N, C-alpha and C. Protein backbone atom coordinates (compact mmCIF):
# COMPACT_ATOMS: atom_id res chain seq x y z
N MET A 1 49.76 -34.79 175.30
CA MET A 1 50.51 -33.60 174.53
C MET A 1 50.00 -32.28 175.14
N LYS A 2 48.80 -32.22 175.22
CA LYS A 2 48.27 -30.91 175.87
C LYS A 2 48.75 -30.87 177.27
N LYS A 3 48.71 -31.48 178.20
CA LYS A 3 48.94 -31.60 179.49
C LYS A 3 50.43 -30.90 179.74
N LYS A 4 51.11 -31.55 178.91
CA LYS A 4 52.79 -31.14 178.88
C LYS A 4 52.77 -29.67 178.47
N LEU A 5 51.98 -29.28 177.38
CA LEU A 5 52.10 -27.91 176.94
C LEU A 5 51.42 -26.89 178.01
N LEU A 6 50.33 -27.42 178.65
CA LEU A 6 50.08 -26.43 179.83
C LEU A 6 50.82 -26.31 180.98
N VAL A 7 51.48 -27.63 181.26
CA VAL A 7 52.59 -27.44 182.33
C VAL A 7 53.92 -26.71 181.97
N VAL A 8 54.25 -26.62 180.81
CA VAL A 8 55.38 -25.80 180.23
C VAL A 8 54.83 -24.30 180.37
N ILE A 9 53.66 -23.84 179.87
CA ILE A 9 53.09 -22.73 179.95
C ILE A 9 52.88 -22.39 181.32
N GLY A 10 52.67 -22.92 182.13
CA GLY A 10 52.22 -22.53 183.68
C GLY A 10 53.74 -22.51 184.10
N ILE A 11 54.89 -23.39 183.84
CA ILE A 11 56.20 -22.76 184.10
C ILE A 11 56.71 -21.64 183.90
N ILE A 12 56.39 -21.15 182.55
CA ILE A 12 57.00 -20.00 182.09
C ILE A 12 56.24 -18.90 182.71
N VAL A 13 54.91 -18.88 182.88
CA VAL A 13 54.14 -17.99 183.58
C VAL A 13 54.66 -17.69 184.94
N ILE A 14 54.99 -18.59 185.62
CA ILE A 14 55.56 -18.64 187.20
C ILE A 14 56.83 -17.71 187.05
N ILE A 15 57.88 -18.43 186.08
CA ILE A 15 59.23 -17.71 185.93
C ILE A 15 58.96 -16.03 185.73
N ILE A 16 57.91 -15.78 184.71
CA ILE A 16 57.95 -14.21 184.45
C ILE A 16 57.37 -13.52 185.69
N ILE A 17 56.32 -14.18 186.34
CA ILE A 17 55.74 -13.64 187.38
C ILE A 17 57.01 -13.31 188.65
N GLY A 18 57.82 -14.35 188.90
CA GLY A 18 58.87 -14.39 189.86
C GLY A 18 59.85 -13.22 189.32
N ILE A 19 60.29 -13.10 188.11
CA ILE A 19 61.19 -12.13 187.71
C ILE A 19 60.65 -10.64 187.89
N GLY A 20 59.18 -10.56 187.57
CA GLY A 20 58.60 -9.04 187.72
C GLY A 20 58.55 -8.76 189.25
N GLY A 21 58.21 -9.79 190.12
CA GLY A 21 58.39 -9.47 191.30
C GLY A 21 59.56 -9.16 192.06
N LYS A 22 60.78 -9.80 191.47
CA LYS A 22 61.95 -9.53 191.78
C LYS A 22 62.34 -7.88 191.41
N VAL A 23 62.13 -7.54 190.03
CA VAL A 23 62.29 -6.28 189.78
C VAL A 23 61.76 -5.27 190.53
N MET A 24 60.31 -5.57 190.85
CA MET A 24 59.68 -4.50 191.50
C MET A 24 60.10 -4.24 193.03
N LEU A 25 60.63 -5.31 193.53
CA LEU A 25 61.27 -5.15 194.86
C LEU A 25 62.49 -4.57 194.86
N ASP A 26 63.26 -4.78 193.86
CA ASP A 26 64.62 -4.11 193.66
C ASP A 26 64.39 -2.55 193.44
N ASN A 27 63.53 -2.17 192.85
CA ASN A 27 62.83 -0.82 192.50
C ASN A 27 62.35 -0.21 193.76
N LYS A 28 61.56 -0.85 194.59
CA LYS A 28 61.32 -0.40 195.68
C LYS A 28 62.27 0.01 196.87
N LYS A 29 63.42 -0.97 196.89
CA LYS A 29 64.49 -0.87 197.68
C LYS A 29 65.19 0.42 197.25
N LYS A 30 65.49 0.54 195.84
CA LYS A 30 66.19 1.63 195.49
C LYS A 30 65.33 2.98 195.88
N GLU A 31 64.26 2.80 195.87
CA GLU A 31 63.23 4.09 196.05
C GLU A 31 63.56 4.47 197.43
N ASP A 32 63.31 3.76 198.32
CA ASP A 32 63.31 3.92 199.78
C ASP A 32 64.74 4.55 200.13
N ARG A 33 65.79 3.85 199.43
CA ARG A 33 67.16 4.29 199.74
C ARG A 33 67.50 5.76 199.26
N MET A 34 66.79 6.10 198.28
CA MET A 34 67.05 7.61 197.83
C MET A 34 66.13 8.33 198.85
N ILE A 35 65.01 8.03 199.26
CA ILE A 35 63.97 8.82 199.98
C ILE A 35 65.08 8.93 201.46
N ASN A 36 65.64 8.10 201.86
CA ASN A 36 66.29 7.98 203.04
C ASN A 36 67.37 8.97 203.03
N ILE A 37 67.94 8.93 201.94
CA ILE A 37 69.14 9.80 201.75
C ILE A 37 68.74 11.38 201.50
N VAL A 38 67.69 11.48 200.79
CA VAL A 38 67.23 12.88 200.72
C VAL A 38 66.73 13.33 201.95
N ASN A 39 66.03 12.43 202.79
CA ASN A 39 65.77 13.07 203.88
C ASN A 39 66.77 12.85 205.18
N SER A 40 68.01 12.82 204.65
CA SER A 40 69.06 12.68 205.98
C SER A 40 69.37 14.06 206.31
N GLN A 41 70.09 14.02 207.45
CA GLN A 41 70.79 15.25 208.11
C GLN A 41 71.71 15.78 207.00
N GLU A 42 72.57 14.87 206.39
CA GLU A 42 73.52 15.29 205.38
C GLU A 42 73.14 15.95 204.20
N ALA A 43 71.82 15.61 203.74
CA ALA A 43 71.22 16.16 202.82
C ALA A 43 70.61 17.69 203.00
N LYS A 44 70.20 17.81 204.23
CA LYS A 44 69.45 18.79 204.81
C LYS A 44 70.57 20.08 204.73
N GLU A 45 72.05 19.67 205.14
CA GLU A 45 72.83 20.63 204.96
C GLU A 45 73.45 21.04 203.51
N VAL A 46 73.27 20.16 202.87
CA VAL A 46 73.55 20.34 201.44
C VAL A 46 72.50 21.13 200.73
N PHE A 47 71.14 20.95 201.20
CA PHE A 47 69.97 21.87 200.75
C PHE A 47 70.21 23.11 201.07
N GLU A 48 70.50 23.43 202.60
CA GLU A 48 70.66 24.65 203.26
C GLU A 48 71.60 25.60 202.71
N ASN A 49 73.00 24.78 202.55
CA ASN A 49 73.77 25.53 201.97
C ASN A 49 73.78 26.17 200.63
N GLY A 50 73.09 25.15 199.81
CA GLY A 50 72.80 25.70 198.24
C GLY A 50 71.80 26.80 198.45
N LEU A 51 70.84 26.70 199.30
CA LEU A 51 69.62 27.85 199.38
C LEU A 51 70.43 29.01 199.94
N LYS A 52 71.42 29.02 200.73
CA LYS A 52 71.93 30.47 201.13
C LYS A 52 72.94 30.76 200.14
N VAL A 53 73.34 30.07 199.13
CA VAL A 53 74.18 30.51 198.01
C VAL A 53 73.17 31.56 197.19
N LEU A 54 71.81 30.96 196.80
CA LEU A 54 70.73 31.82 196.26
C LEU A 54 70.42 33.00 196.95
N ASP A 55 70.16 32.88 198.28
CA ASP A 55 69.70 33.93 199.07
C ASP A 55 70.50 33.84 200.50
N SER A 56 71.63 34.84 200.27
CA SER A 56 72.57 34.89 201.57
C SER A 56 71.97 35.20 202.80
N LYS A 57 70.56 35.51 202.85
CA LYS A 57 70.08 35.88 204.02
C LYS A 57 68.81 34.84 204.38
N ALA A 58 68.86 33.60 203.63
CA ALA A 58 68.00 32.74 203.89
C ALA A 58 67.52 32.29 205.25
N PHE A 59 66.43 32.02 205.73
CA PHE A 59 66.11 31.44 206.89
C PHE A 59 66.09 32.56 207.90
N THR A 60 66.17 33.72 207.67
CA THR A 60 66.08 35.05 208.44
C THR A 60 64.94 35.91 208.04
N GLU A 61 64.69 36.81 208.86
CA GLU A 61 63.65 37.88 208.63
C GLU A 61 63.76 38.34 207.38
N GLU A 62 64.98 38.89 206.94
CA GLU A 62 65.44 39.68 206.11
C GLU A 62 65.44 38.85 204.70
N GLY A 63 65.51 37.78 204.72
CA GLY A 63 65.80 36.68 203.55
C GLY A 63 64.29 36.43 202.78
N ILE A 64 64.27 35.95 201.38
CA ILE A 64 63.30 35.84 200.63
C ILE A 64 62.92 34.23 200.93
N ILE A 65 63.85 33.46 201.22
CA ILE A 65 63.50 32.00 201.43
C ILE A 65 63.54 31.84 203.06
N LYS A 66 62.37 31.53 203.50
CA LYS A 66 62.03 31.41 205.21
C LYS A 66 62.34 29.86 205.30
N SER A 67 61.67 29.29 204.48
CA SER A 67 61.56 27.49 204.82
C SER A 67 61.63 26.80 203.52
N TYR A 68 61.59 25.69 203.57
CA TYR A 68 61.59 24.73 202.43
C TYR A 68 60.97 23.20 202.76
N GLU A 69 60.48 22.81 201.87
CA GLU A 69 59.95 21.45 201.91
C GLU A 69 60.32 20.64 200.73
N ILE A 70 60.81 19.41 201.06
CA ILE A 70 60.89 18.23 199.88
C ILE A 70 59.75 17.89 199.14
N ASP A 71 59.76 17.97 197.92
CA ASP A 71 58.54 17.35 197.13
C ASP A 71 58.86 15.94 196.94
N GLU A 72 58.39 15.07 197.68
CA GLU A 72 58.72 13.71 197.77
C GLU A 72 58.57 13.07 196.51
N LYS A 73 57.49 13.58 195.55
CA LYS A 73 57.01 12.90 194.49
C LYS A 73 58.22 13.26 193.34
N SER A 74 59.15 14.08 193.55
CA SER A 74 60.23 14.65 192.63
C SER A 74 61.36 13.96 192.72
N ILE A 75 61.81 12.98 193.99
CA ILE A 75 62.78 12.08 194.17
C ILE A 75 63.07 11.04 193.00
N LYS A 76 64.00 11.22 192.24
CA LYS A 76 64.16 10.35 191.27
C LYS A 76 65.86 9.87 190.92
N HIS A 77 66.14 8.56 190.26
CA HIS A 77 67.48 8.86 190.20
C HIS A 77 67.77 9.13 188.69
N ASN A 78 68.89 9.97 188.68
CA ASN A 78 69.33 10.62 187.60
C ASN A 78 70.20 9.73 186.87
N PRO A 79 69.89 9.48 185.60
CA PRO A 79 70.60 8.66 184.72
C PRO A 79 72.19 8.94 184.65
N MET A 80 72.59 10.18 184.96
CA MET A 80 74.07 10.30 184.87
C MET A 80 74.68 10.32 186.21
N GLY A 81 73.95 9.70 187.19
CA GLY A 81 74.38 9.48 188.46
C GLY A 81 73.72 10.47 189.53
N GLY A 82 73.36 9.85 190.61
CA GLY A 82 72.86 10.89 191.68
C GLY A 82 71.37 10.71 191.76
N ILE A 83 70.85 11.54 192.55
CA ILE A 83 69.53 11.76 192.74
C ILE A 83 69.02 13.19 192.59
N ASN A 84 67.98 13.21 191.74
CA ASN A 84 67.27 14.40 191.55
C ASN A 84 66.35 14.72 192.56
N VAL A 85 66.22 15.81 193.08
CA VAL A 85 64.93 16.24 194.03
C VAL A 85 64.81 17.72 193.92
N THR A 86 63.42 18.27 194.02
CA THR A 86 62.98 19.36 194.38
C THR A 86 62.51 19.96 195.48
N LEU A 87 62.85 21.14 195.82
CA LEU A 87 62.46 21.60 197.24
C LEU A 87 61.32 22.88 196.81
N PHE A 88 60.38 22.81 197.60
CA PHE A 88 59.65 24.09 197.42
C PHE A 88 59.82 25.27 198.65
N ALA A 89 60.25 26.22 198.14
CA ALA A 89 60.67 27.36 199.27
C ALA A 89 59.29 27.97 199.58
N ASN A 90 59.11 28.25 201.13
CA ASN A 90 58.17 29.02 201.57
C ASN A 90 56.65 28.19 201.08
N LYS A 91 56.83 26.93 201.33
CA LYS A 91 55.53 26.04 200.97
C LYS A 91 54.59 26.52 199.87
N LYS A 92 55.53 27.02 198.77
CA LYS A 92 54.84 27.53 197.38
C LYS A 92 55.54 26.65 196.21
N SER A 93 54.48 26.15 195.60
CA SER A 93 54.95 25.19 194.71
C SER A 93 55.62 25.84 193.30
N ASN A 94 55.29 27.23 193.09
CA ASN A 94 56.05 27.98 192.11
C ASN A 94 57.34 28.49 192.53
N LEU A 95 57.64 28.20 193.65
CA LEU A 95 58.85 28.81 193.91
C LEU A 95 59.79 27.66 194.61
N TYR A 96 60.33 26.97 193.53
CA TYR A 96 60.94 25.85 193.77
C TYR A 96 62.65 25.95 193.31
N VAL A 97 63.53 24.98 193.89
CA VAL A 97 64.80 24.94 193.57
C VAL A 97 65.05 23.36 193.51
N PHE A 98 65.69 22.81 192.32
CA PHE A 98 65.92 21.75 192.16
C PHE A 98 67.39 21.36 192.33
N PHE A 99 67.82 20.21 192.78
CA PHE A 99 69.26 19.77 193.20
C PHE A 99 69.29 18.54 192.56
N THR A 100 70.66 18.18 192.40
CA THR A 100 71.29 16.93 191.98
C THR A 100 72.15 16.41 193.01
N LEU A 101 71.63 15.59 193.85
CA LEU A 101 72.66 15.23 195.05
C LEU A 101 73.39 13.89 194.56
N ASN A 102 74.82 13.87 194.99
CA ASN A 102 75.81 12.76 194.39
C ASN A 102 76.80 12.55 195.55
N LYS A 103 77.47 11.63 195.43
CA LYS A 103 78.51 11.37 196.52
C LYS A 103 79.74 11.70 195.86
N ASP A 104 80.96 12.57 196.57
CA ASP A 104 82.07 12.83 196.13
C ASP A 104 83.10 11.67 196.40
N GLU A 105 84.44 12.09 195.89
CA GLU A 105 85.20 10.68 195.78
C GLU A 105 85.61 10.31 197.47
N ASN A 106 85.36 11.26 198.70
CA ASN A 106 85.41 10.81 199.86
C ASN A 106 83.95 10.34 200.46
N GLY A 107 82.86 10.05 199.62
CA GLY A 107 81.70 9.62 200.24
C GLY A 107 80.86 10.68 200.56
N ASN A 108 81.24 11.82 200.67
CA ASN A 108 80.23 12.91 201.20
C ASN A 108 79.18 13.38 200.01
N LEU A 109 77.98 13.57 200.61
CA LEU A 109 76.96 14.07 199.75
C LEU A 109 77.40 15.51 199.28
N THR A 110 76.93 15.87 198.02
CA THR A 110 77.17 17.16 197.30
C THR A 110 76.42 17.47 196.49
N ASP A 111 76.10 18.62 196.04
CA ASP A 111 75.32 19.09 195.24
C ASP A 111 75.67 19.11 193.76
N GLU A 112 75.37 18.48 193.08
CA GLU A 112 76.00 18.47 191.55
C GLU A 112 75.44 19.24 190.66
N GLY A 113 74.48 20.11 191.04
CA GLY A 113 73.76 21.26 190.12
C GLY A 113 72.62 21.21 190.32
N GLY A 114 71.63 22.14 189.63
CA GLY A 114 70.49 22.19 189.80
C GLY A 114 69.98 23.52 189.06
N GLY A 115 68.83 24.05 189.66
CA GLY A 115 68.16 25.45 189.28
C GLY A 115 67.11 25.82 189.92
N ASN A 116 66.67 26.87 189.61
CA ASN A 116 65.35 27.28 190.23
C ASN A 116 64.40 27.80 189.46
N SER A 117 63.05 27.74 189.93
CA SER A 117 61.94 28.47 189.19
C SER A 117 62.38 29.89 188.66
N SER A 118 61.67 30.49 187.71
CA SER A 118 61.67 31.97 187.19
C SER A 118 61.03 32.51 188.39
N ASP A 119 60.17 32.20 188.93
CA ASP A 119 59.22 32.96 190.04
C ASP A 119 60.20 33.36 191.28
N LEU A 120 60.87 32.32 191.61
CA LEU A 120 61.72 32.47 192.74
C LEU A 120 62.98 33.34 192.24
N GLU A 121 63.49 33.35 190.93
CA GLU A 121 64.64 34.08 190.62
C GLU A 121 64.09 35.43 190.74
N ARG A 122 63.03 35.84 189.81
CA ARG A 122 62.40 37.03 190.09
C ARG A 122 62.52 37.69 191.62
N LEU A 123 62.01 36.83 192.36
CA LEU A 123 61.87 37.66 193.96
C LEU A 123 63.35 37.42 194.29
N LEU A 124 64.21 36.84 193.97
CA LEU A 124 65.72 37.18 194.46
C LEU A 124 66.36 38.20 193.75
N GLU A 125 66.01 38.53 192.68
CA GLU A 125 66.62 39.56 191.85
C GLU A 125 65.84 40.99 192.54
N GLY A 126 64.77 40.87 193.18
CA GLY A 126 64.16 41.95 193.47
C GLY A 126 64.40 42.52 194.74
N LYS A 127 65.26 41.66 195.67
CA LYS A 127 65.56 41.97 197.14
C LYS A 127 66.11 42.96 197.26
């Protein structure tokens, strides 16, 4: 009787470990897919267009925003759909802009909204 109980418990543990492993692999694949999208050329165009809306002279000598980098730790699935990501302007973590990337009806990547830090806003207003 004890042997059968141990076998049943062992099978249950193996099933639980298998399901947990599958969930972890699926999450890793989803995370890798989001990272690939955020680092794509299409996303780069969306980011740069969005930054130019904030600062029409972005990426020029006269602009406030000279460069940006993606905060890899910020890449998350948005529960309403899409991918949330934060960009640091000029390599400064207090100067950030966040985007929600999503696909439109034609399958093109778009900016579905976001915002920016108050520090960046002050710089942009003072230009």
